[in-house]
C-alpha atoms as a PDB file:
ATOM      1  CA  UNK A   1       0.000   0.000   0.000  1.00  0.00           C
ATOM      2  CA  UNK A   2       1.339   3.411  -0.915  1.00  0.00           C
ATOM      3  CA  UNK A   3       2.174   5.872   1.853  1.00  0.00           C
ATOM      4  CA  UNK A   4      -0.122   8.528   0.388  1.00  0.00           C
ATOM      5  CA  UNK A   5      -3.129   6.207   0.051  1.00  0.00           C
ATOM      6  CA  UNK A   6      -6.270   7.743   1.556  1.00  0.00           C
ATOM      7  CA  UNK A   7      -7.071   4.593   3.526  1.00  0.00           C
ATOM      8  CA  UNK A   8      -3.496   4.384   4.808  1.00  0.00           C
ATOM      9  CA  UNK A   9      -3.503   8.018   5.935  1.00  0.00           C
ATOM     10  CA  UNK A  10      -6.906   7.724   7.632  1.00  0.00           C
ATOM     11  CA  UNK A  11      -6.033   4.485   9.412  1.00  0.00           C
ATOM     12  CA  UNK A  12      -2.881   6.101  10.822  1.00  0.00           C
ATOM     13  CA  UNK A  13      -4.784   8.536  13.013  1.00  0.00           C
ATOM     14  CA  UNK A  14      -8.013   6.625  13.617  1.00  0.00           C
ATOM     15  CA  UNK A  15      -6.329   3.484  14.903  1.00  0.00           C
ATOM     16  CA  UNK A  16      -4.169   5.161  17.514  1.00  0.00           C
ATOM     17  CA  UNK A  17      -5.032   3.904  20.975  1.00  0.00           C
ATOM     18  CA  UNK A  18      -7.986   5.758  22.536  1.00  0.00           C
ATOM     19  CA  UNK A  19      -8.971   7.703  19.399  1.00  0.00           C
ATOM     20  CA  UNK A  20     -12.243   5.913  18.616  1.00  0.00           C
ATOM     21  CA  UNK A  21     -13.159   5.736  22.300  1.00  0.00           C
ATOM     22  CA  UNK A  22     -12.657   9.507  22.648  1.00  0.00           C
ATOM     23  CA  UNK A  23     -14.938  10.069  19.661  1.00  0.00           C
ATOM     24  CA  UNK A  24     -17.571   7.797  21.189  1.00  0.00           C
ATOM     25  CA  UNK A  25     -17.356   9.575  24.555  1.00  0.00           C
ATOM     26  CA  UNK A  26     -17.795  12.936  22.827  1.00  0.00           C
ATOM     27  CA  UNK A  27     -20.836  11.521  21.047  1.00  0.00           C
ATOM     28  CA  UNK A  28     -22.376  10.662  24.430  1.00  0.00           C
ATOM     29  CA  UNK A  29     -22.029  14.237  25.701  1.00  0.00           C
ATOM     30  CA  UNK A  30     -24.836  16.788  25.614  1.00  0.00           C
ATOM     31  CA  UNK A  31     -24.771  18.278  22.107  1.00  0.00           C
ATOM     32  CA  UNK A  32     -21.820  15.917  21.491  1.00  0.00           C
ATOM     33  CA  UNK A  33     -19.685  18.131  23.715  1.00  0.00           C
ATOM     34  CA  UNK A  34     -17.600  17.336  26.781  1.00  0.00           C
ATOM     35  CA  UNK A  35     -14.981  19.032  28.893  1.00  0.00           C
ATOM     36  CA  UNK A  36     -11.462  17.669  29.116  1.00  0.00           C
ATOM     37  CA  UNK A  37     -11.990  16.462  32.694  1.00  0.00           C
ATOM     38  CA  UNK A  38     -15.230  14.688  31.784  1.00  0.00           C
ATOM     39  CA  UNK A  39     -13.448  12.845  28.990  1.00  0.00           C
ATOM     40  CA  UNK A  40     -10.581  11.886  31.271  1.00  0.00           C
ATOM     41  CA  UNK A  41     -12.994  10.575  33.923  1.00  0.00           C
ATOM     42  CA  UNK A  42     -14.960   8.550  31.370  1.00  0.00           C
ATOM     43  CA  UNK A  43     -11.855   6.824  29.980  1.00  0.00           C
ATOM     44  CA  UNK A  44     -10.196   4.952  32.870  1.00  0.00           C
ATOM     45  CA  UNK A  45      -6.514   4.411  32.197  1.00  0.00           C
ATOM     46  CA  UNK A  46      -5.950   7.268  29.767  1.00  0.00           C
ATOM     47  CA  UNK A  47      -3.332   9.801  30.786  1.00  0.00           C
ATOM     48  CA  UNK A  48      -3.844  13.551  30.479  1.00  0.00           C
ATOM     49  CA  UNK A  49      -0.893  13.687  28.089  1.00  0.00           C
ATOM     50  CA  UNK A  50      -2.367  11.086  25.716  1.00  0.00           C
ATOM     51  CA  UNK A  51      -5.874  12.562  25.908  1.00  0.00           C
ATOM     52  CA  UNK A  52      -4.493  15.993  25.089  1.00  0.00           C
ATOM     53  CA  UNK A  53      -2.448  14.631  22.178  1.00  0.00           C
ATOM     54  CA  UNK A  54      -5.383  12.677  20.720  1.00  0.00           C
ATOM     55  CA  UNK A  55      -7.757  15.635  21.029  1.00  0.00           C
ATOM     56  CA  UNK A  56      -5.220  17.848  19.256  1.00  0.00           C
ATOM     57  CA  UNK A  57      -4.883  15.285  16.442  1.00  0.00           C
ATOM     58  CA  UNK A  58      -8.662  15.002  16.109  1.00  0.00           C
ATOM     59  CA  UNK A  59      -8.916  18.786  15.993  1.00  0.00           C
ATOM     60  CA  UNK A  60      -6.233  18.967  13.295  1.00  0.00           C
ATOM     61  CA  UNK A  61      -8.130  16.360  11.255  1.00  0.00           C
ATOM     62  CA  UNK A  62     -11.353  18.367  11.583  1.00  0.00           C
ATOM     63  CA  UNK A  63     -13.238  15.754  13.595  1.00  0.00           C
ATOM     64  CA  UNK A  64     -13.350  17.795  16.796  1.00  0.00           C
ATOM     65  CA  UNK A  65     -13.756  21.493  17.508  1.00  0.00           C
ATOM     66  CA  UNK A  66     -12.275  23.003  20.675  1.00  0.00           C
ATOM     67  CA  UNK A  67     -13.794  25.902  22.586  1.00  0.00           C
ATOM     68  CA  UNK A  68     -11.776  27.541  25.372  1.00  0.00           C
ATOM     69  CA  UNK A  69     -13.490  29.495  28.158  1.00  0.00           C
ATOM     70  CA  UNK A  70     -10.956  32.065  29.352  1.00  0.00           C
ATOM     71  CA  UNK A  71     -13.311  34.147  31.506  1.00  0.00           C
ATOM     72  CA  UNK A  72     -12.735  32.054  34.623  1.00  0.00           C
ATOM     73  CA  UNK A  73      -9.848  30.384  36.331  1.00  0.00           C
ATOM     74  CA  UNK A  74      -8.972  27.661  35.732  1.00  0.00           C
ATOM     75  CA  UNK A  75      -9.393  27.961  31.980  1.00  0.00           C
ATOM     76  CA  UNK A  76     -11.813  25.292  30.727  1.00  0.00           C
ATOM     77  CA  UNK A  77     -11.770  23.577  27.355  1.00  0.00           C
ATOM     78  CA  UNK A  78     -14.778  21.964  25.724  1.00  0.00           C
ATOM     79  CA  UNK A  79     -14.571  19.615  22.774  1.00  0.00           C
ATOM     80  CA  UNK A  80     -17.386  19.032  20.287  1.00  0.00           C
ATOM     81  CA  UNK A  81     -17.684  16.568  17.436  1.00  0.00           C
ATOM     82  CA  UNK A  82     -17.879  18.219  14.031  1.00  0.00           C
ATOM     83  CA  UNK A  83     -20.086  16.931  11.234  1.00  0.00           C
ATOM     84  CA  UNK A  84     -17.277  14.685  10.017  1.00  0.00           C
ATOM     85  CA  UNK A  85     -16.687  13.481  13.581  1.00  0.00           C
ATOM     86  CA  UNK A  86     -20.349  12.528  13.851  1.00  0.00           C
ATOM     87  CA  UNK A  87     -20.033  10.494  10.651  1.00  0.00           C
ATOM     88  CA  UNK A  88     -17.191   8.488  12.212  1.00  0.00           C
ATOM     89  CA  UNK A  89     -19.660   7.449  14.949  1.00  0.00           C
ATOM     90  CA  UNK A  90     -21.673   5.675  12.251  1.00  0.00           C
ATOM     91  CA  UNK A  91     -18.546   3.649  11.424  1.00  0.00           C
ATOM     92  CA  UNK A  92     -18.048   2.809  15.111  1.00  0.00           C
ATOM     93  CA  UNK A  93     -21.676   1.661  15.347  1.00  0.00           C
ATOM     94  CA  UNK A  94     -21.132  -0.446  12.232  1.00  0.00           C
ATOM     95  CA  UNK A  95     -18.112  -2.065  13.876  1.00  0.00           C
ATOM     96  CA  UNK A  96     -20.253  -2.815  16.917  1.00  0.00           C
ATOM     97  CA  UNK A  97     -22.998  -4.401  14.776  1.00  0.00           C
ATOM     98  CA  UNK A  98     -20.393  -6.506  12.991  1.00  0.00           C
ATOM     99  CA  UNK A  99     -18.818  -7.669  16.271  1.00  0.00           C
ATOM    100  CA  UNK A 100     -22.201  -8.556  17.760  1.00  0.00           C
ATOM    101  CA  UNK A 101     -23.252 -10.448  14.631  1.00  0.00           C
ATOM    102  CA  UNK A 102     -20.095 -12.503  14.472  1.00  0.00           C
ATOM    103  CA  UNK A 103     -19.726 -12.834  18.257  1.00  0.00           C
ATOM    104  CA  UNK A 104     -16.122 -11.794  18.311  1.00  0.00           C
ATOM    105  CA  UNK A 105     -14.915 -12.575  21.865  1.00  0.00           C
ATOM    106  CA  UNK A 106     -16.932  -9.845  23.534  1.00  0.00           C
ATOM    107  CA  UNK A 107     -19.682  -9.480  26.067  1.00  0.00           C
ATOM    108  CA  UNK A 108     -23.087  -9.276  24.433  1.00  0.00           C
ATOM    109  CA  UNK A 109     -24.116  -5.647  24.444  1.00  0.00           C
ATOM    110  CA  UNK A 110     -27.495  -5.069  26.012  1.00  0.00           C
ATOM    111  CA  UNK A 111     -27.466  -1.404  25.052  1.00  0.00           C
ATOM    112  CA  UNK A 112     -27.685  -1.011  21.296  1.00  0.00           C
ATOM    113  CA  UNK A 113     -27.719   2.808  21.495  1.00  0.00           C
ATOM    114  CA  UNK A 114     -24.054   3.816  21.817  1.00  0.00           C
ATOM    115  CA  UNK A 115     -24.936   7.275  23.117  1.00  0.00           C
ATOM    116  CA  UNK A 116     -26.570   5.643  26.176  1.00  0.00           C
ATOM    117  CA  UNK A 117     -23.833   3.115  26.780  1.00  0.00           C
ATOM    118  CA  UNK A 118     -22.193   3.277  30.177  1.00  0.00           C
ATOM    119  CA  UNK A 119     -19.452   0.729  29.475  1.00  0.00           C
END
């Protein structure tokens, strides 16, 4: 596969650890928006450094938009899925349907609506 291939380039940033889970957690937020701390709390095991790096990458790719509130201290950042970020959620849901259909070593999901999932 050529280095410049669209699939190759897309896979490089979407398959980094935590990336798809961050997108899914943003999807669950009110108006598909969450604060940095909310994301960190909802992703046990992720470090602040990795979360920050992944959010920056997603912002650079146009999947996430960042809003910074500077009026108060501490400064608070909110992250919102863009239209293209919301379309990635459809791919994640498709992956979930595929895994459930083929029973890939996973726990059967009782909550088919990803936005309501607490796992």
